[in-house]
Amino acid sequence: MELARSTVAQRASCTVLYHNLHSLYCWFRSETLRRHYAGATVLVDGMPVIGLLRAGGAEVGREHRVTYVDLIMPLLTMARDNGFKVYHVGQSAAVQQQALEAVREAVPGIEIRGHDGYFDQSEGSTESEAVINDMNEFKAELVLVGFGTPRQEAWLHAYRERIDAPAVYACGACMEYVAGEVATPPRWMGRLGLEWSFRLFENPRRFAFRYAIEPVLLAGYLARGWFSSKRSPAVIDS
């Protein structure tokens, strides 16, 4: 929250993405996505990623994990308290309307507008330009983009320079939770890194591949990278 507040207050610029196991899986599969992450601030959204970082020697813990289920309302409250205008783009029109109504009820006085995510998101499209024009005319200072990985990262890579808002966050499906379209996992499950099991049980058709198959494939990418680094000859300065 302090990053967004200070960025807007100083009229600076930041683009905030996140990593969970799904985005890491996509990241390893796509050189294009790796370029889209370059130069962005990246939140750790998932205890399994904290575990991977610790295995790699990073001194991180549970307190370094940031998930939008916990972040979104404090972030929007901060925006309201500082007089920042918020614009959300993503989800269906019906889900977004429900979410914005829930936000206005939970955070009275917030200035928030949105547009659904069902438009041509390709680079140079007139529909994308129209969405950006709307958020710029609104004078949004905090923009939330929720298309899911890798579409939200690709769209931001293509259009970030056209967005006037100082702070832009990729937020995935967080507004589905705000709208009540998707049930929020108990927070004790989040602390233990078990949110995935709640989501898988609630909607196996949507999440089976993501939570049952992708981690196995990701483990293969990580193992291949580890063995490759071990086989690489050491460079000796002459």
C-alpha atoms as a PDB file:
ATOM      1  CA  MET A   1       0.000   0.000   0.000  1.00  0.00           C
ATOM      2  CA  GLU A   2       2.830   2.401   0.813  1.00  0.00           C
ATOM      3  CA  LEU A   3       4.292   1.830  -2.642  1.00  0.00           C
ATOM      4  CA  ALA A   4       1.027   2.920  -4.294  1.00  0.00           C
ATOM      5  CA  ARG A   5       0.544   5.857  -1.927  1.00  0.00           C
ATOM      6  CA  SER A   6       4.059   7.227  -2.336  1.00  0.00           C
ATOM      7  CA  THR A   7       4.077   6.663  -6.108  1.00  0.00           C
ATOM      8  CA  VAL A   8       0.862   8.631  -6.605  1.00  0.00           C
ATOM      9  CA  ALA A   9       1.856  11.333  -4.097  1.00  0.00           C
ATOM     10  CA  GLN A  10       5.181  11.867  -5.872  1.00  0.00           C
ATOM     11  CA  ARG A  11       3.611  11.564  -9.351  1.00  0.00           C
ATOM     12  CA  ALA A  12       6.160   8.870 -10.089  1.00  0.00           C
ATOM     13  CA  SER A  13       5.420   5.608 -11.930  1.00  0.00           C
ATOM     14  CA  CYS A  14       5.250   1.961 -10.924  1.00  0.00           C
ATOM     15  CA  THR A  15       3.908  -1.209 -12.498  1.00  0.00           C
ATOM     16  CA  VAL A  16       3.203  -4.005 -10.035  1.00  0.00           C
ATOM     17  CA  LEU A  17       2.882  -7.626 -11.142  1.00  0.00           C
ATOM     18  CA  TYR A  18       2.822 -10.761  -8.998  1.00  0.00           C
ATOM     19  CA  HIS A  19       4.103 -14.309  -8.981  1.00  0.00           C
ATOM     20  CA  ASN A  20       2.326 -17.444  -7.851  1.00  0.00           C
ATOM     21  CA  LEU A  21       2.910 -20.996  -9.072  1.00  0.00           C
ATOM     22  CA  HIS A  22       0.673 -20.446 -12.097  1.00  0.00           C
ATOM     23  CA  SER A  23       2.487 -17.296 -13.220  1.00  0.00           C
ATOM     24  CA  LEU A  24       5.864 -18.974 -12.606  1.00  0.00           C
ATOM     25  CA  TYR A  25       4.785 -21.893 -14.786  1.00  0.00           C
ATOM     26  CA  CYS A  26       3.774 -19.434 -17.525  1.00  0.00           C
ATOM     27  CA  TRP A  27       7.007 -17.467 -17.002  1.00  0.00           C
ATOM     28  CA  PHE A  28       9.175 -20.537 -17.600  1.00  0.00           C
ATOM     29  CA  ARG A  29       7.192 -21.455 -20.716  1.00  0.00           C
ATOM     30  CA  SER A  30       7.292 -18.033 -22.365  1.00  0.00           C
ATOM     31  CA  GLU A  31      10.267 -15.844 -23.191  1.00  0.00           C
ATOM     32  CA  THR A  32       7.757 -13.152 -24.138  1.00  0.00           C
ATOM     33  CA  LEU A  33       6.239 -13.201 -20.661  1.00  0.00           C
ATOM     34  CA  ARG A  34       9.705 -12.983 -19.112  1.00  0.00           C
ATOM     35  CA  ARG A  35      10.239  -9.758 -21.075  1.00  0.00           C
ATOM     36  CA  HIS A  36       6.912  -8.434 -19.818  1.00  0.00           C
ATOM     37  CA  TYR A  37       8.047  -8.892 -16.213  1.00  0.00           C
ATOM     38  CA  ALA A  38      11.314  -7.016 -16.772  1.00  0.00           C
ATOM     39  CA  GLY A  39      11.441  -3.748 -14.852  1.00  0.00           C
ATOM     40  CA  ALA A  40       8.235  -4.353 -12.883  1.00  0.00           C
ATOM     41  CA  THR A  41       7.803  -4.599  -9.123  1.00  0.00           C
ATOM     42  CA  VAL A  42       6.757  -8.178  -8.382  1.00  0.00           C
ATOM     43  CA  LEU A  43       4.675  -9.251  -5.384  1.00  0.00           C
ATOM     44  CA  VAL A  44       4.918 -12.789  -4.025  1.00  0.00           C
ATOM     45  CA  ASP A  45       1.362 -14.140  -4.145  1.00  0.00           C
ATOM     46  CA  GLY A  46       1.547 -17.644  -2.716  1.00  0.00           C
ATOM     47  CA  MET A  47       3.278 -19.501   0.099  1.00  0.00           C
ATOM     48  CA  PRO A  48       4.711 -22.119  -2.308  1.00  0.00           C
ATOM     49  CA  VAL A  49       6.690 -19.310  -3.965  1.00  0.00           C
ATOM     50  CA  ILE A  50       7.966 -18.269  -0.528  1.00  0.00           C
ATOM     51  CA  GLY A  51       9.093 -21.880  -0.085  1.00  0.00           C
ATOM     52  CA  LEU A  52      10.927 -21.839  -3.409  1.00  0.00           C
ATOM     53  CA  LEU A  53      12.649 -18.570  -2.518  1.00  0.00           C
ATOM     54  CA  ARG A  54      13.747 -19.957   0.834  1.00  0.00           C
ATOM     55  CA  ALA A  55      15.052 -23.098  -0.866  1.00  0.00           C
ATOM     56  CA  GLY A  56      17.120 -20.799  -3.075  1.00  0.00           C
ATOM     57  CA  GLY A  57      18.643 -19.084  -0.062  1.00  0.00           C
ATOM     58  CA  ALA A  58      16.437 -15.983   0.222  1.00  0.00           C
ATOM     59  CA  GLU A  59      15.648 -14.815   3.744  1.00  0.00           C
ATOM     60  CA  VAL A  60      11.879 -14.519   3.366  1.00  0.00           C
ATOM     61  CA  GLY A  61       8.922 -15.683   5.396  1.00  0.00           C
ATOM     62  CA  ARG A  62       5.164 -15.708   5.636  1.00  0.00           C
ATOM     63  CA  GLU A  63       5.106 -11.942   6.181  1.00  0.00           C
ATOM     64  CA  HIS A  64       6.529 -11.377   2.686  1.00  0.00           C
ATOM     65  CA  ARG A  65       3.588 -13.054   0.984  1.00  0.00           C
ATOM     66  CA  VAL A  66       1.023 -10.601  -0.440  1.00  0.00           C
ATOM     67  CA  THR A  67      -2.282 -11.854  -1.800  1.00  0.00           C
ATOM     68  CA  TYR A  68      -5.027  -9.666  -3.212  1.00  0.00           C
ATOM     69  CA  VAL A  69      -7.619 -11.422  -1.066  1.00  0.00           C
ATOM     70  CA  ASP A  70      -5.964  -9.626   1.858  1.00  0.00           C
ATOM     71  CA  LEU A  71      -4.603  -6.577   0.011  1.00  0.00           C
ATOM     72  CA  ILE A  72      -7.477  -5.303  -2.097  1.00  0.00           C
ATOM     73  CA  MET A  73      -9.710  -3.665   0.534  1.00  0.00           C
ATOM     74  CA  PRO A  74      -6.857  -2.004   2.482  1.00  0.00           C
ATOM     75  CA  LEU A  75      -5.447  -0.782  -0.852  1.00  0.00           C
ATOM     76  CA  LEU A  76      -8.795   0.705  -1.875  1.00  0.00           C
ATOM     77  CA  THR A  77      -9.305   2.215   1.586  1.00  0.00           C
ATOM     78  CA  MET A  78      -5.892   3.868   1.295  1.00  0.00           C
ATOM     79  CA  ALA A  79      -6.904   5.259  -2.102  1.00  0.00           C
ATOM     80  CA  ARG A  80     -10.153   6.659  -0.668  1.00  0.00           C
ATOM     81  CA  ASP A  81      -8.397   8.189   2.341  1.00  0.00           C
ATOM     82  CA  ASN A  82      -5.867   9.931   0.082  1.00  0.00           C
ATOM     83  CA  GLY A  83      -8.389  11.064  -2.503  1.00  0.00           C
ATOM     84  CA  PHE A  84      -6.984   8.815  -5.267  1.00  0.00           C
ATOM     85  CA  LYS A  85      -9.275   7.843  -8.123  1.00  0.00           C
ATOM     86  CA  VAL A  86      -9.324   4.110  -8.916  1.00  0.00           C
ATOM     87  CA  TYR A  87     -10.071   2.387 -12.227  1.00  0.00           C
ATOM     88  CA  HIS A  88     -10.509  -1.368 -12.577  1.00  0.00           C
ATOM     89  CA  VAL A  89     -10.525  -3.203 -15.883  1.00  0.00           C
ATOM     90  CA  GLY A  90     -11.300  -6.908 -16.083  1.00  0.00           C
ATOM     91  CA  GLN A  91     -13.890  -9.657 -15.538  1.00  0.00           C
ATOM     92  CA  SER A  92     -17.354  -9.688 -17.097  1.00  0.00           C
ATOM     93  CA  ALA A  93     -19.538  -6.597 -16.954  1.00  0.00           C
ATOM     94  CA  ALA A  94     -21.922  -8.285 -14.498  1.00  0.00           C
ATOM     95  CA  VAL A  95     -19.177  -9.479 -12.137  1.00  0.00           C
ATOM     96  CA  GLN A  96     -17.429  -6.135 -12.240  1.00  0.00           C
ATOM     97  CA  GLN A  97     -20.643  -4.257 -11.493  1.00  0.00           C
ATOM     98  CA  GLN A  98     -21.231  -6.476  -8.459  1.00  0.00           C
ATOM     99  CA  ALA A  99     -17.641  -5.912  -7.346  1.00  0.00           C
ATOM    100  CA  LEU A 100     -17.782  -2.129  -7.720  1.00  0.00           C
ATOM    101  CA  GLU A 101     -21.036  -2.005  -5.780  1.00  0.00           C
ATOM    102  CA  ALA A 102     -19.440  -4.076  -3.010  1.00  0.00           C
ATOM    103  CA  VAL A 103     -16.423  -1.764  -2.970  1.00  0.00           C
ATOM    104  CA  ARG A 104     -18.590   1.369  -2.746  1.00  0.00           C
ATOM    105  CA  GLU A 105     -20.502  -0.170   0.140  1.00  0.00           C
ATOM    106  CA  ALA A 106     -17.356  -1.288   1.999  1.00  0.00           C
ATOM    107  CA  VAL A 107     -15.351   1.877   1.248  1.00  0.00           C
ATOM    108  CA  PRO A 108     -17.856   4.755   1.247  1.00  0.00           C
ATOM    109  CA  GLY A 109     -16.733   7.814  -0.644  1.00  0.00           C
ATOM    110  CA  ILE A 110     -14.257   6.050  -2.921  1.00  0.00           C
ATOM    111  CA  GLU A 111     -14.098   7.345  -6.506  1.00  0.00           C
ATOM    112  CA  ILE A 112     -13.953   4.214  -8.630  1.00  0.00           C
ATOM    113  CA  ARG A 113     -14.877   3.391 -12.208  1.00  0.00           C
ATOM    114  CA  GLY A 114     -14.351   0.338 -14.365  1.00  0.00           C
ATOM    115  CA  HIS A 115     -14.618  -1.454 -17.677  1.00  0.00           C
ATOM    116  CA  ASP A 116     -15.108  -5.167 -18.285  1.00  0.00           C
ATOM    117  CA  GLY A 117     -12.312  -7.273 -19.731  1.00  0.00           C
ATOM    118  CA  TYR A 118     -14.218  -8.440 -22.813  1.00  0.00           C
ATOM    119  CA  PHE A 119     -12.701  -6.277 -25.526  1.00  0.00           C
ATOM    120  CA  ASP A 120      -9.950  -6.582 -28.121  1.00  0.00           C
ATOM    121  CA  GLN A 121      -6.769  -6.513 -26.023  1.00  0.00           C
ATOM    122  CA  SER A 122      -4.364  -6.821 -28.940  1.00  0.00           C
ATOM    123  CA  GLU A 123      -1.702  -4.175 -29.378  1.00  0.00           C
ATOM    124  CA  GLY A 124      -2.997  -1.193 -31.338  1.00  0.00           C
ATOM    125  CA  SER A 125      -6.674  -2.127 -31.072  1.00  0.00           C
ATOM    126  CA  THR A 126      -9.224   0.672 -31.078  1.00  0.00           C
ATOM    127  CA  GLU A 127     -11.111  -0.985 -28.208  1.00  0.00           C
ATOM    128  CA  SER A 128      -8.035  -0.977 -25.977  1.00  0.00           C
ATOM    129  CA  GLU A 129      -7.399   2.643 -26.869  1.00  0.00           C
ATOM    130  CA  ALA A 130     -10.973   3.492 -25.902  1.00  0.00           C
ATOM    131  CA  VAL A 131     -10.576   1.860 -22.485  1.00  0.00           C
ATOM    132  CA  ILE A 132      -7.332   3.743 -21.863  1.00  0.00           C
ATOM    133  CA  ASN A 133      -8.909   7.015 -22.970  1.00  0.00           C
ATOM    134  CA  ASP A 134     -11.736   6.417 -20.487  1.00  0.00           C
ATOM    135  CA  MET A 135      -9.381   5.800 -17.561  1.00  0.00           C
ATOM    136  CA  ASN A 136      -7.259   8.826 -18.518  1.00  0.00           C
ATOM    137  CA  GLU A 137     -10.321  11.086 -18.856  1.00  0.00           C
ATOM    138  CA  PHE A 138     -11.400   9.865 -15.401  1.00  0.00           C
ATOM    139  CA  LYS A 139      -7.926  10.935 -14.213  1.00  0.00           C
ATOM    140  CA  ALA A 140      -7.357   7.591 -12.511  1.00  0.00           C
ATOM    141  CA  GLU A 141      -4.357   7.497 -10.212  1.00  0.00           C
ATOM    142  CA  LEU A 142      -4.517   3.802  -9.304  1.00  0.00           C
ATOM    143  CA  VAL A 143      -5.373   1.327 -12.075  1.00  0.00           C
ATOM    144  CA  LEU A 144      -6.131  -2.347 -11.430  1.00  0.00           C
ATOM    145  CA  VAL A 145      -5.917  -4.748 -14.388  1.00  0.00           C
ATOM    146  CA  GLY A 146      -7.483  -8.161 -13.902  1.00  0.00           C
ATOM    147  CA  PHE A 147      -7.227 -10.338 -17.002  1.00  0.00           C
ATOM    148  CA  GLY A 148      -5.153 -13.129 -15.469  1.00  0.00           C
ATOM    149  CA  THR A 149      -1.657 -14.244 -16.455  1.00  0.00           C
ATOM    150  CA  PRO A 150      -0.336 -13.919 -19.156  1.00  0.00           C
ATOM    151  CA  ARG A 151      -2.950 -11.615 -20.781  1.00  0.00           C
ATOM    152  CA  GLN A 152      -2.770  -8.834 -18.198  1.00  0.00           C
ATOM    153  CA  GLU A 153       1.020  -8.667 -18.427  1.00  0.00           C
ATOM    154  CA  ALA A 154       0.909  -8.576 -22.236  1.00  0.00           C
ATOM    155  CA  TRP A 155      -1.689  -5.792 -22.223  1.00  0.00           C
ATOM    156  CA  LEU A 156       0.272  -3.721 -19.726  1.00  0.00           C
ATOM    157  CA  HIS A 157       3.473  -4.231 -21.692  1.00  0.00           C
ATOM    158  CA  ALA A 158       1.724  -2.951 -24.821  1.00  0.00           C
ATOM    159  CA  TYR A 159      -0.108  -0.020 -23.244  1.00  0.00           C
ATOM    160  CA  ARG A 160       1.569   1.033 -19.988  1.00  0.00           C
ATOM    161  CA  GLU A 161       3.099   4.153 -21.524  1.00  0.00           C
ATOM    162  CA  ARG A 162      -0.369   5.272 -22.672  1.00  0.00           C
ATOM    163  CA  ILE A 163      -1.830   4.966 -19.159  1.00  0.00           C
ATOM    164  CA  ASP A 164      -1.474   8.230 -17.240  1.00  0.00           C
ATOM    165  CA  ALA A 165      -2.068   6.684 -13.799  1.00  0.00           C
ATOM    166  CA  PRO A 166       1.111   6.648 -11.678  1.00  0.00           C
ATOM    167  CA  ALA A 167       0.357   3.267 -10.036  1.00  0.00           C
ATOM    168  CA  VAL A 168      -0.816   0.292 -12.100  1.00  0.00           C
ATOM    169  CA  TYR A 169      -1.355  -3.125 -10.516  1.00  0.00           C
ATOM    170  CA  ALA A 170      -2.063  -6.458 -12.200  1.00  0.00           C
ATOM    171  CA  CYS A 171      -4.673  -7.986  -9.896  1.00  0.00           C
ATOM    172  CA  GLY A 172      -5.860 -11.184 -11.591  1.00  0.00           C
ATOM    173  CA  ALA A 173      -9.268 -12.398 -10.465  1.00  0.00           C
ATOM    174  CA  CYS A 174      -9.423 -10.424  -7.206  1.00  0.00           C
ATOM    175  CA  MET A 175     -12.661  -8.679  -8.163  1.00  0.00           C
ATOM    176  CA  GLU A 176     -14.355 -12.065  -8.533  1.00  0.00           C
ATOM    177  CA  TYR A 177     -13.760 -12.527  -4.801  1.00  0.00           C
ATOM    178  CA  VAL A 178     -14.933  -8.992  -4.011  1.00  0.00           C
ATOM    179  CA  ALA A 179     -18.120  -9.632  -6.000  1.00  0.00           C
ATOM    180  CA  GLY A 180     -18.713 -12.938  -4.214  1.00  0.00           C
ATOM    181  CA  GLU A 181     -18.585 -14.758  -7.536  1.00  0.00           C
ATOM    182  CA  VAL A 182     -15.824 -16.969  -6.127  1.00  0.00           C
ATOM    183  CA  ALA A 183     -15.734 -17.961  -2.456  1.00  0.00           C
ATOM    184  CA  THR A 184     -12.855 -16.576  -0.402  1.00  0.00           C
ATOM    185  CA  PRO A 185     -10.734 -19.306   1.212  1.00  0.00           C
ATOM    186  CA  PRO A 186     -10.513 -19.182   5.019  1.00  0.00           C
ATOM    187  CA  ARG A 187      -7.562 -16.999   5.941  1.00  0.00           C
ATOM    188  CA  TRP A 188      -5.963 -19.741   8.053  1.00  0.00           C
ATOM    189  CA  MET A 189      -5.624 -21.726   4.846  1.00  0.00           C
ATOM    190  CA  GLY A 190      -3.827 -18.768   3.290  1.00  0.00           C
ATOM    191  CA  ARG A 191      -1.375 -18.590   6.170  1.00  0.00           C
ATOM    192  CA  LEU A 192      -0.615 -22.284   5.727  1.00  0.00           C
ATOM    193  CA  GLY A 193      -0.370 -22.066   1.951  1.00  0.00           C
ATOM    194  CA  LEU A 194      -3.442 -24.260   1.403  1.00  0.00           C
ATOM    195  CA  GLU A 195      -5.701 -21.861  -0.495  1.00  0.00           C
ATOM    196  CA  TRP A 196      -5.114 -23.869  -3.652  1.00  0.00           C
ATOM    197  CA  SER A 197      -6.849 -26.909  -2.129  1.00  0.00           C
ATOM    198  CA  PHE A 198      -9.930 -24.831  -1.290  1.00  0.00           C
ATOM    199  CA  ARG A 199     -10.128 -23.468  -4.840  1.00  0.00           C
ATOM    200  CA  LEU A 200      -9.548 -26.895  -6.370  1.00  0.00           C
ATOM    201  CA  PHE A 201     -12.300 -28.486  -4.286  1.00  0.00           C
ATOM    202  CA  GLU A 202     -14.722 -25.625  -4.992  1.00  0.00           C
ATOM    203  CA  ASN A 203     -14.180 -25.562  -8.771  1.00  0.00           C
ATOM    204  CA  PRO A 204     -12.245 -28.617  -9.985  1.00  0.00           C
ATOM    205  CA  ARG A 205     -13.099 -28.046 -13.650  1.00  0.00           C
ATOM    206  CA  ARG A 206     -11.529 -24.570 -13.600  1.00  0.00           C
ATOM    207  CA  PHE A 207      -8.534 -25.338 -11.398  1.00  0.00           C
ATOM    208  CA  ALA A 208      -7.627 -29.021 -11.899  1.00  0.00           C
ATOM    209  CA  PHE A 209      -4.884 -28.408 -14.449  1.00  0.00           C
ATOM    210  CA  ARG A 210      -3.547 -25.348 -12.619  1.00  0.00           C
ATOM    211  CA  TYR A 211      -3.217 -26.991  -9.222  1.00  0.00           C
ATOM    212  CA  ALA A 212      -2.705 -30.674 -10.083  1.00  0.00           C
ATOM    213  CA  ILE A 213      -0.638 -30.583 -13.294  1.00  0.00           C
ATOM    214  CA  GLU A 214       1.139 -27.215 -13.531  1.00  0.00           C
ATOM    215  CA  PRO A 215       3.122 -27.670 -10.258  1.00  0.00           C
ATOM    216  CA  VAL A 216       4.503 -30.966 -11.569  1.00  0.00           C
ATOM    217  CA  LEU A 217       5.530 -29.371 -14.864  1.00  0.00           C
ATOM    218  CA  LEU A 218       6.989 -26.381 -13.010  1.00  0.00           C
ATOM    219  CA  ALA A 219       9.044 -28.751 -10.864  1.00  0.00           C
ATOM    220  CA  GLY A 220      10.459 -30.183 -14.079  1.00  0.00           C
ATOM    221  CA  TYR A 221      11.488 -26.719 -15.308  1.00  0.00           C
ATOM    222  CA  LEU A 222      13.110 -25.948 -11.952  1.00  0.00           C
ATOM    223  CA  ALA A 223      14.936 -29.287 -11.853  1.00  0.00           C
ATOM    224  CA  ARG A 224      16.185 -28.835 -15.398  1.00  0.00           C
ATOM    225  CA  GLY A 225      17.479 -25.373 -14.538  1.00  0.00           C
ATOM    226  CA  TRP A 226      19.181 -26.674 -11.399  1.00  0.00           C
ATOM    227  CA  PHE A 227      20.910 -29.555 -13.198  1.00  0.00           C
ATOM    228  CA  SER A 228      21.925 -27.226 -16.032  1.00  0.00           C
ATOM    229  CA  SER A 229      23.546 -24.825 -13.571  1.00  0.00           C
ATOM    230  CA  LYS A 230      25.412 -27.685 -11.915  1.00  0.00           C
ATOM    231  CA  ARG A 231      26.773 -28.897 -15.244  1.00  0.00           C
ATOM    232  CA  SER A 232      27.879 -25.431 -16.372  1.00  0.00           C
ATOM    233  CA  PRO A 233      31.671 -25.065 -16.081  1.00  0.00           C
ATOM    234  CA  ALA A 234      32.936 -22.484 -13.651  1.00  0.00           C
ATOM    235  CA  VAL A 235      34.447 -19.343 -15.179  1.00  0.00           C
ATOM    236  CA  ILE A 236      38.007 -18.755 -14.010  1.00  0.00           C
ATOM    237  CA  ASP A 237      39.503 -15.315 -14.356  1.00  0.00           C
ATOM    238  CA  SER A 238      42.976 -15.336 -15.941  1.00  0.00           C
END
